[in-house]
Amino acid sequence: MEIYEKIRYYREHTDYSQHNVAKILGVSRNTLKKYWNGIEYPEI
């Protein structure tokens, strides 16, 4: 769940592109796309 929160933070508080955020967090762009708009939420 930590990655989800970081992705949402970058989405809401920075002007970084999805590609840059994926690089920073070390996740795939596919994973990032799932969580970027909050459509999908990781299972706990």
Protein backbone atom coordinates (compact mmCIF):
# COMPACT_ATOMS: atom_id res chain seq x y z
CA MET A 1 0.00 0.00 0.00
CA GLU A 2 2.96 2.29 0.48
CA ILE A 3 3.61 2.50 -3.28
CA TYR A 4 -0.03 3.42 -3.92
CA GLU A 5 0.21 6.32 -1.48
CA LYS A 6 3.46 7.55 -3.02
CA ILE A 7 2.00 7.40 -6.52
CA ARG A 8 -1.07 9.36 -5.42
CA TYR A 9 1.18 11.92 -3.70
CA TYR A 10 3.25 12.48 -6.85
CA ARG A 11 0.05 12.70 -8.91
CA GLU A 12 -1.55 15.32 -6.68
CA HIS A 13 1.45 17.40 -5.56
CA THR A 14 3.92 17.43 -8.45
CA ASP A 15 4.01 18.01 -12.18
CA TYR A 16 6.03 14.85 -12.86
CA SER A 17 5.01 12.62 -15.74
CA GLN A 18 3.92 9.04 -15.19
CA HIS A 19 7.17 7.87 -16.76
CA ASN A 20 9.29 9.91 -14.34
CA VAL A 21 7.32 8.77 -11.29
CA ALA A 22 7.69 5.14 -12.37
CA LYS A 23 11.46 5.63 -12.60
CA ILE A 24 11.67 7.37 -9.22
CA LEU A 25 9.66 4.68 -7.41
CA GLY A 26 11.15 1.75 -9.32
CA VAL A 27 7.80 0.35 -10.49
CA SER A 28 6.65 -0.57 -13.97
CA ARG A 29 4.64 1.95 -15.94
CA ASN A 30 1.80 -0.59 -16.09
CA THR A 31 1.61 -0.74 -12.30
CA LEU A 32 1.79 3.03 -12.07
CA LYS A 33 -1.06 3.48 -14.59
CA LYS A 34 -3.34 1.28 -12.47
CA TYR A 35 -2.96 3.48 -9.42
CA TRP A 36 -2.39 6.91 -11.06
CA ASN A 37 -6.07 7.84 -11.28
CA GLY A 38 -7.12 5.88 -8.22
CA ILE A 39 -9.26 3.52 -10.27
CA GLU A 40 -7.65 0.46 -8.76
CA TYR A 41 -6.66 0.09 -5.12
CA PRO A 42 -4.10 -2.48 -3.95
CA GLU A 43 -5.37 -5.32 -1.81
CA ILE A 44 -4.14 -5.32 1.76
